[in-house]
């Protein structure tokens, strides 16, 4: 009997050892047989403003190097480092951190930091991530990565989402640090709760969201935003019709300051032809009696309200943006021409006209790994701001 038990025990030990070796081998293989990648962006940017600041020029190189592991029972990981450097001494600009304040602002400070680093579980429609990561929702109007800047925005967060085969897409994120575009010096500790529910239909996607943003500092500054969005497209003969409608309301509170409320809404419609798409948009970031303008502090702001970035912060009078946007294809690349007319939502005696802007860009891939682009923005001031011209020329390499 003892002999039989010893035999069973020996077999069990050998089996456990073998399984452990197999699992360890599978885990090691998943960790080592991942994928390394790189992303390099060399960009020249110039800014000319009708004020006392010197014209700005910057030539910067942003480098990202990362590694994503293979999958082990649904588990994987990613680590990515980011570096932004001035090239050839072209650094005549204010980087937003107090450097060269006599020049106009170009928000690309030199920095080296961990851009992303997270563990992920994925399986059966579920995905969860823990760590530093990119988080975006919908068109990035409220939550985005600000990918246009060399030091993009990421978040220290726990994020979980679930996609049902037939049903809504559910997503929740808790953010305890906003890693903003001004290097680590301007990062913000936070207690942000983001909820997003989307349902896809044959004619478009309906989304409901609640974004509860709170800075974790003495100010206790918070923005609670509740909204709904519908966006889609449908065929219309030889054309295709695009449409978007969105509404949100926001409560802003801050320690020792009065509370404010403001509304947001957007209507956008367009027609897609063979090689050209034309869109007309009407967006309102509302004002609370001319004392507070609707705010989107973690959005990809450069994407909206003109590339000259004159309205990264909404004026107290609010902002009404009437825009016309044309996009198309030419010589293997994509072009955009956009026009914006800006007005105050709650105008006063001195503030009503907020100016207008024309934006032009052309982006073309030259290889599966290489893309180049040119871009121009010309803002003409109204009752506030100053005339501003911006120009960009860049080349990106990815592998």
Protein backbone atom coordinates (compact mmCIF):
# COMPACT_ATOMS: atom_id res chain seq x y z
CA UNK A 1 0.00 0.00 0.00
CA UNK A 2 2.81 2.37 0.94
CA UNK A 3 4.60 1.43 -2.27
CA UNK A 4 1.49 2.23 -4.34
CA UNK A 5 1.05 5.59 -2.57
CA UNK A 6 4.70 6.44 -3.15
CA UNK A 7 4.26 5.59 -6.80
CA UNK A 8 1.19 7.81 -7.10
CA UNK A 9 3.03 10.63 -5.34
CA UNK A 10 6.00 10.26 -7.69
CA UNK A 11 3.73 10.33 -10.76
CA UNK A 12 1.91 13.39 -9.38
CA UNK A 13 5.18 15.23 -8.75
CA UNK A 14 6.49 14.39 -12.20
CA UNK A 15 3.21 15.49 -13.79
CA UNK A 16 3.21 18.79 -11.84
CA UNK A 17 6.83 19.39 -12.78
CA UNK A 18 6.08 18.69 -16.43
CA UNK A 19 3.03 20.99 -16.42
CA UNK A 20 5.02 23.70 -14.68
CA UNK A 21 7.70 23.38 -17.33
CA UNK A 22 5.09 23.56 -20.09
CA UNK A 23 3.38 26.61 -18.57
CA UNK A 24 6.70 28.29 -17.88
CA UNK A 25 7.74 27.59 -21.45
CA UNK A 26 4.49 28.99 -22.85
CA UNK A 27 4.79 32.08 -20.65
CA UNK A 28 8.42 32.65 -21.62
CA UNK A 29 7.54 32.20 -25.28
CA UNK A 30 4.70 34.73 -25.00
CA UNK A 31 7.00 37.25 -23.34
CA UNK A 32 9.91 36.82 -25.74
CA UNK A 33 8.08 36.32 -29.02
CA UNK A 34 6.35 39.66 -29.00
CA UNK A 35 6.80 42.61 -31.35
CA UNK A 36 9.11 45.60 -31.13
CA UNK A 37 8.07 48.80 -32.90
CA UNK A 38 9.22 52.33 -33.50
CA UNK A 39 7.63 55.65 -34.45
CA UNK A 40 9.69 58.71 -35.42
CA UNK A 41 8.31 62.14 -36.33
CA UNK A 42 10.57 64.96 -37.56
CA UNK A 43 8.66 68.25 -37.75
CA UNK A 44 9.31 71.89 -38.53
CA UNK A 45 6.80 74.36 -37.09
CA UNK A 46 6.64 78.15 -37.33
CA UNK A 47 4.31 80.67 -35.67
CA UNK A 48 3.79 84.32 -36.61
CA UNK A 49 1.50 86.45 -34.43
CA UNK A 50 0.44 90.08 -34.57
CA UNK A 51 1.75 90.95 -31.10
CA UNK A 52 4.99 91.78 -29.32
CA UNK A 53 6.22 88.17 -29.25
CA UNK A 54 9.03 87.11 -31.54
CA UNK A 55 8.16 84.78 -34.43
CA UNK A 56 8.72 81.18 -33.34
CA UNK A 57 10.54 78.35 -35.14
CA UNK A 58 11.07 74.77 -33.99
CA UNK A 59 12.58 71.68 -35.53
CA UNK A 60 11.93 68.68 -33.29
CA UNK A 61 12.24 64.93 -33.50
CA UNK A 62 9.87 62.72 -31.52
CA UNK A 63 10.96 59.11 -31.07
CA UNK A 64 8.89 56.27 -29.66
CA UNK A 65 10.21 52.77 -29.09
CA UNK A 66 8.03 50.02 -27.70
CA UNK A 67 7.58 46.32 -27.19
CA UNK A 68 4.31 44.40 -27.00
CA UNK A 69 4.43 40.83 -25.72
CA UNK A 70 2.67 37.83 -27.13
CA UNK A 71 -0.53 36.49 -25.61
CA UNK A 72 -0.56 34.11 -22.64
CA UNK A 73 -4.07 32.91 -21.73
CA UNK A 74 -5.41 36.32 -22.70
CA UNK A 75 -2.68 38.22 -20.83
CA UNK A 76 -0.20 40.53 -22.53
CA UNK A 77 1.82 43.61 -21.78
CA UNK A 78 3.21 46.69 -23.49
CA UNK A 79 6.02 49.10 -22.65
CA UNK A 80 6.80 52.20 -24.68
CA UNK A 81 9.26 55.07 -24.20
CA UNK A 82 9.02 58.50 -25.79
CA UNK A 83 11.66 61.16 -26.41
CA UNK A 84 11.36 64.63 -27.97
CA UNK A 85 14.49 66.61 -28.93
CA UNK A 86 15.36 69.85 -30.71
CA UNK A 87 17.24 69.18 -33.97
CA UNK A 88 20.04 71.34 -35.44
CA UNK A 89 19.59 74.01 -32.79
CA UNK A 90 16.29 75.29 -34.24
CA UNK A 91 14.70 76.16 -30.89
CA UNK A 92 13.44 79.74 -31.17
CA UNK A 93 10.16 79.09 -29.38
CA UNK A 94 8.37 79.13 -26.02
CA UNK A 95 7.90 75.47 -25.09
CA UNK A 96 5.20 76.18 -22.49
CA UNK A 97 7.53 75.50 -19.55
CA UNK A 98 9.00 78.99 -19.29
CA UNK A 99 11.73 78.53 -21.89
CA UNK A 100 12.20 81.51 -24.27
CA UNK A 101 9.09 83.44 -23.17
CA UNK A 102 9.89 86.21 -25.68
CA UNK A 103 8.78 83.87 -28.50
CA UNK A 104 5.35 82.56 -29.50
CA UNK A 105 4.27 79.21 -28.08
CA UNK A 106 5.05 75.87 -29.72
CA UNK A 107 3.98 73.21 -27.23
CA UNK A 108 6.76 70.68 -27.84
CA UNK A 109 9.15 70.70 -24.84
CA UNK A 110 12.16 68.40 -24.76
CA UNK A 111 11.38 65.34 -22.68
CA UNK A 112 12.12 61.66 -22.16
CA UNK A 113 9.49 59.60 -20.39
CA UNK A 114 7.49 56.41 -20.20
CA UNK A 115 4.69 56.98 -22.70
CA UNK A 116 2.83 53.71 -22.10
CA UNK A 117 3.30 50.74 -19.82
CA UNK A 118 0.38 48.45 -19.04
CA UNK A 119 -0.82 44.91 -18.49
CA UNK A 120 -3.80 43.74 -20.52
CA UNK A 121 -6.33 40.93 -20.39
CA UNK A 122 -8.42 40.24 -23.47
CA UNK A 123 -10.96 37.52 -24.16
CA UNK A 124 -14.62 36.86 -25.09
CA UNK A 125 -15.29 40.53 -25.92
CA UNK A 126 -13.73 41.74 -22.68
CA UNK A 127 -10.64 43.94 -22.54
CA UNK A 128 -9.05 45.40 -19.41
CA UNK A 129 -5.86 47.41 -19.01
CA UNK A 130 -3.97 48.56 -15.94
CA UNK A 131 -1.18 51.11 -16.17
CA UNK A 132 -0.13 54.06 -18.32
CA UNK A 133 -2.09 54.01 -21.57
CA UNK A 134 -3.79 55.87 -24.39
CA UNK A 135 -7.53 56.35 -23.81
CA UNK A 136 -9.85 57.82 -26.44
CA UNK A 137 -13.63 57.95 -26.80
CA UNK A 138 -15.65 58.53 -29.95
CA UNK A 139 -14.18 61.42 -31.98
CA UNK A 140 -11.90 62.54 -29.08
CA UNK A 141 -13.94 65.71 -28.49
CA UNK A 142 -14.01 64.99 -24.76
CA UNK A 143 -11.32 62.32 -24.19
CA UNK A 144 -8.29 62.02 -26.48
CA UNK A 145 -4.54 61.53 -26.87
CA UNK A 146 -3.62 64.96 -28.35
CA UNK A 147 -1.54 63.00 -30.85
CA UNK A 148 -0.67 66.06 -32.92
CA UNK A 149 1.84 67.25 -30.31
CA UNK A 150 5.21 65.52 -30.02
CA UNK A 151 4.56 64.54 -26.38
CA UNK A 152 1.09 63.07 -26.63
CA UNK A 153 -1.35 62.73 -23.75
CA UNK A 154 -1.66 59.41 -21.92
CA UNK A 155 -3.24 58.40 -18.62
CA UNK A 156 -2.34 56.34 -15.57
CA UNK A 157 -5.55 54.38 -15.38
CA UNK A 158 -7.60 51.23 -15.10
CA UNK A 159 -9.77 50.76 -18.17
CA UNK A 160 -12.26 48.01 -18.94
CA UNK A 161 -14.58 47.51 -21.90
CA UNK A 162 -16.87 44.84 -23.28
CA UNK A 163 -18.16 44.41 -26.82
CA UNK A 164 -21.28 42.28 -27.18
CA UNK A 165 -21.93 40.46 -30.46
CA UNK A 166 -25.45 41.84 -30.46
CA UNK A 167 -25.89 44.70 -28.04
CA UNK A 168 -24.12 47.73 -26.65
CA UNK A 169 -20.42 48.41 -26.19
CA UNK A 170 -19.66 49.21 -22.55
CA UNK A 171 -16.59 51.05 -21.32
CA UNK A 172 -15.34 52.43 -18.02
CA UNK A 173 -12.03 54.11 -17.12
CA UNK A 174 -10.66 55.36 -13.82
CA UNK A 175 -7.79 57.85 -14.24
CA UNK A 176 -5.56 58.89 -11.36
CA UNK A 177 -3.02 60.87 -13.41
CA UNK A 178 -3.21 62.86 -16.64
CA UNK A 179 0.14 62.77 -18.42
CA UNK A 180 -0.25 65.91 -20.50
CA UNK A 181 1.65 67.32 -23.48
CA UNK A 182 4.02 69.53 -21.45
CA UNK A 183 6.29 66.76 -20.16
CA UNK A 184 6.10 65.55 -16.56
CA UNK A 185 6.20 69.07 -15.08
CA UNK A 186 2.58 69.75 -16.04
CA UNK A 187 1.04 66.34 -15.33
CA UNK A 188 -2.08 66.43 -13.16
CA UNK A 189 -3.13 64.01 -10.41
CA UNK A 190 -6.81 63.27 -10.78
CA UNK A 191 -9.81 61.19 -9.77
CA UNK A 192 -11.55 60.86 -13.13
CA UNK A 193 -14.40 58.44 -13.80
CA UNK A 194 -15.34 57.92 -17.45
CA UNK A 195 -18.42 55.97 -18.57
CA UNK A 196 -19.27 55.37 -22.23
CA UNK A 197 -22.02 53.20 -23.76
CA UNK A 198 -22.41 52.82 -27.53
CA UNK A 199 -24.85 50.96 -29.74
CA UNK A 200 -24.13 50.38 -33.44
CA UNK A 201 -27.01 50.21 -35.92
CA UNK A 202 -27.28 50.08 -39.70
CA UNK A 203 -27.55 53.88 -39.95
CA UNK A 204 -25.05 54.95 -37.28
CA UNK A 205 -23.81 54.74 -33.72
CA UNK A 206 -25.71 56.05 -30.71
CA UNK A 207 -23.51 56.87 -27.71
CA UNK A 208 -24.26 57.97 -24.18
CA UNK A 209 -21.49 59.16 -21.87
CA UNK A 210 -20.75 60.49 -18.42
CA UNK A 211 -17.32 62.02 -17.82
CA UNK A 212 -16.65 63.00 -14.19
CA UNK A 213 -13.30 64.83 -14.06
CA UNK A 214 -11.72 65.95 -10.80
CA UNK A 215 -8.24 67.32 -10.15
CA UNK A 216 -6.70 65.72 -7.07
CA UNK A 217 -5.25 68.90 -5.55
CA UNK A 218 -6.28 71.73 -3.25
CA UNK A 219 -8.47 73.33 -5.91
CA UNK A 220 -10.81 70.31 -6.14
CA UNK A 221 -11.61 71.54 -9.65
CA UNK A 222 -14.16 69.29 -11.31
CA UNK A 223 -16.11 69.09 -14.55
CA UNK A 224 -19.12 66.72 -14.67
CA UNK A 225 -20.30 66.19 -18.24
CA UNK A 226 -23.35 64.18 -19.35
CA UNK A 227 -24.04 63.72 -23.05
CA UNK A 228 -25.48 61.79 -25.96
CA UNK A 229 -24.18 61.50 -29.52
CA UNK A 230 -25.39 60.02 -32.80
CA UNK A 231 -23.14 59.74 -35.85
CA UNK A 232 -23.32 57.75 -39.04
CA UNK A 233 -23.72 57.68 -42.80
CA UNK A 234 -26.09 56.25 -45.40
CA UNK A 235 -26.02 55.79 -49.19
CA UNK A 236 -28.06 58.20 -51.30
CA UNK A 237 -27.90 57.07 -54.91
CA UNK A 238 -24.32 57.60 -56.12
CA UNK A 239 -23.58 59.75 -53.07
CA UNK A 240 -23.18 59.03 -49.38
CA UNK A 241 -24.71 61.20 -46.67
CA UNK A 242 -22.84 61.81 -43.39
CA UNK A 243 -24.55 63.15 -40.24
CA UNK A 244 -23.75 63.87 -36.60
CA UNK A 245 -25.86 65.27 -33.76
CA UNK A 246 -24.58 65.68 -30.21
CA UNK A 247 -25.67 67.32 -26.96
CA UNK A 248 -24.01 67.55 -23.55
CA UNK A 249 -24.44 69.50 -20.34
CA UNK A 250 -21.69 70.32 -17.87
CA UNK A 251 -21.38 71.33 -14.21
CA UNK A 252 -18.15 73.03 -13.15
CA UNK A 253 -17.20 73.32 -9.47
CA UNK A 254 -14.07 74.54 -7.70
CA UNK A 255 -13.14 75.00 -4.05
CA UNK A 256 -14.00 78.53 -2.94
CA UNK A 257 -15.40 79.55 -6.35
CA UNK A 258 -18.95 79.87 -7.70
CA UNK A 259 -20.46 76.92 -9.58
CA UNK A 260 -21.26 77.13 -13.28
CA UNK A 261 -23.36 75.25 -15.82
CA UNK A 262 -23.02 75.23 -19.60
CA UNK A 263 -24.30 73.23 -22.56
CA UNK A 264 -22.65 71.82 -25.66
CA UNK A 265 -24.24 70.84 -28.93
CA UNK A 266 -23.12 70.03 -32.45
CA UNK A 267 -24.81 69.42 -35.77
CA UNK A 268 -22.84 68.25 -38.79
CA UNK A 269 -23.89 67.06 -42.21
CA UNK A 270 -21.99 66.13 -45.34
CA UNK A 271 -22.01 64.60 -48.79
CA UNK A 272 -19.40 62.18 -50.10
CA UNK A 273 -18.80 62.20 -53.84
CA UNK A 274 -16.36 60.05 -55.81
CA UNK A 275 -13.17 61.78 -54.64
CA UNK A 276 -14.43 64.67 -52.48
CA UNK A 277 -16.33 64.89 -49.20
CA UNK A 278 -17.97 68.18 -48.16
CA UNK A 279 -19.14 68.80 -44.58
CA UNK A 280 -20.88 71.71 -42.86
CA UNK A 281 -20.68 71.86 -39.06
CA UNK A 282 -22.25 74.00 -36.36
CA UNK A 283 -20.72 73.55 -32.91
CA UNK A 284 -21.55 75.46 -29.74
CA UNK A 285 -19.55 75.43 -26.53
CA UNK A 286 -22.07 77.32 -24.43
CA UNK A 287 -21.59 80.00 -21.82
CA UNK A 288 -23.09 80.52 -18.38
CA UNK A 289 -24.16 84.19 -18.67
CA UNK A 290 -20.81 85.23 -20.11
CA UNK A 291 -18.90 84.11 -17.02
CA UNK A 292 -17.85 80.54 -17.96
CA UNK A 293 -17.40 78.62 -21.20
CA UNK A 294 -17.97 74.87 -21.64
CA UNK A 295 -14.63 73.11 -21.06
CA UNK A 296 -13.05 69.91 -22.45
CA UNK A 297 -9.74 69.66 -20.52
CA UNK A 298 -8.67 66.15 -21.67
CA UNK A 299 -9.80 66.35 -25.29
CA UNK A 300 -7.70 66.30 -28.45
CA UNK A 301 -8.29 70.03 -28.85
CA UNK A 302 -6.15 70.61 -31.94
CA UNK A 303 -8.63 68.56 -33.94
CA UNK A 304 -11.43 71.08 -33.32
CA UNK A 305 -12.01 74.85 -33.70
CA UNK A 306 -9.13 75.50 -36.06
CA UNK A 307 -5.53 74.31 -36.28
CA UNK A 308 -4.16 77.68 -35.14
CA UNK A 309 -5.22 76.58 -31.63
CA UNK A 310 -6.70 79.94 -30.65
CA UNK A 311 -9.49 78.29 -28.65
CA UNK A 312 -7.80 75.57 -26.61
CA UNK A 313 -9.55 77.24 -23.66
CA UNK A 314 -13.14 78.26 -24.27
CA UNK A 315 -13.71 82.00 -23.73
CA UNK A 316 -16.00 82.97 -20.85
CA UNK A 317 -18.48 84.13 -23.49
CA UNK A 318 -18.55 80.64 -25.01
CA UNK A 319 -17.78 79.73 -28.62
CA UNK A 320 -19.92 79.21 -31.73
CA UNK A 321 -18.02 77.58 -34.60
CA UNK A 322 -19.61 77.48 -38.06
CA UNK A 323 -17.34 75.42 -40.33
CA UNK A 324 -17.09 74.16 -43.90
CA UNK A 325 -14.72 71.27 -44.55
CA UNK A 326 -13.63 69.79 -47.88
CA UNK A 327 -11.49 66.64 -48.12
CA UNK A 328 -10.27 64.66 -51.08
CA UNK A 329 -7.52 62.62 -52.74
CA UNK A 330 -4.76 63.92 -54.99
CA UNK A 331 -1.60 62.32 -56.39
CA UNK A 332 -1.66 59.45 -53.91
CA UNK A 333 -2.30 61.67 -50.89
CA UNK A 334 -5.14 63.31 -48.96
CA UNK A 335 -5.92 67.02 -48.82
CA UNK A 336 -8.11 69.10 -46.50
CA UNK A 337 -9.39 72.66 -46.84
CA UNK A 338 -11.43 74.03 -43.92
CA UNK A 339 -13.00 77.39 -43.04
CA UNK A 340 -14.22 78.48 -39.60
CA UNK A 341 -16.29 81.45 -38.52
CA UNK A 342 -16.22 82.07 -34.75
CA UNK A 343 -18.66 84.00 -32.59
CA UNK A 344 -19.44 84.31 -28.89
CA UNK A 345 -22.33 82.26 -27.51
CA UNK A 346 -23.20 84.99 -24.97
CA UNK A 347 -21.96 88.19 -26.56
CA UNK A 348 -21.30 91.41 -24.67
CA UNK A 349 -20.76 95.00 -25.71
CA UNK A 350 -17.05 94.37 -26.29
CA UNK A 351 -17.01 90.68 -27.29
CA UNK A 352 -19.11 89.24 -30.11
CA UNK A 353 -16.98 88.49 -33.18
CA UNK A 354 -14.28 85.91 -32.37
CA UNK A 355 -12.67 85.89 -35.82
CA UNK A 356 -12.33 83.39 -38.64
CA UNK A 357 -9.76 80.89 -39.90
CA UNK A 358 -8.67 79.01 -43.01
CA UNK A 359 -6.83 75.66 -42.72
CA UNK A 360 -5.08 73.68 -45.47
CA UNK A 361 -3.18 70.38 -45.38
CA UNK A 362 -1.80 67.67 -47.64
CA UNK A 363 -0.53 64.30 -46.38
CA UNK A 364 0.97 61.57 -48.55
CA UNK A 365 2.46 58.13 -47.85
CA UNK A 366 5.66 57.43 -49.78
CA UNK A 367 6.23 53.93 -48.45
CA UNK A 368 4.38 51.56 -46.16
CA UNK A 369 6.54 52.97 -43.35
CA UNK A 370 7.02 56.61 -44.46
CA UNK A 371 4.53 59.50 -44.53
CA UNK A 372 5.12 63.23 -45.16
CA UNK A 373 2.83 66.22 -44.77
CA UNK A 374 2.47 69.97 -45.06
CA UNK A 375 -0.05 72.09 -43.18
CA UNK A 376 -1.03 75.76 -42.83
CA UNK A 377 -3.43 77.71 -40.58
CA UNK A 378 -4.34 81.40 -40.86
CA UNK A 379 -6.46 82.89 -38.08
CA UNK A 380 -7.86 86.43 -38.38
CA UNK A 381 -8.78 87.87 -34.98
CA UNK A 382 -12.09 89.39 -33.97
CA UNK A 383 -12.84 91.24 -30.76
CA UNK A 384 -10.30 89.12 -28.83
CA UNK A 385 -7.10 87.16 -29.66
CA UNK A 386 -4.54 88.24 -32.31
CA UNK A 387 -3.92 87.37 -35.95
CA UNK A 388 -1.95 84.11 -36.10
CA UNK A 389 -0.29 82.12 -38.88
CA UNK A 390 1.13 78.63 -38.39
CA UNK A 391 3.03 76.39 -40.79
CA UNK A 392 4.16 72.76 -40.44
CA UNK A 393 6.29 70.43 -42.53
CA UNK A 394 6.98 66.88 -41.35
CA UNK A 395 8.02 63.36 -42.18
CA UNK A 396 7.13 60.27 -40.12
CA UNK A 397 8.67 56.81 -40.13
CA UNK A 398 7.02 53.82 -38.47
CA UNK A 399 7.92 50.17 -38.28
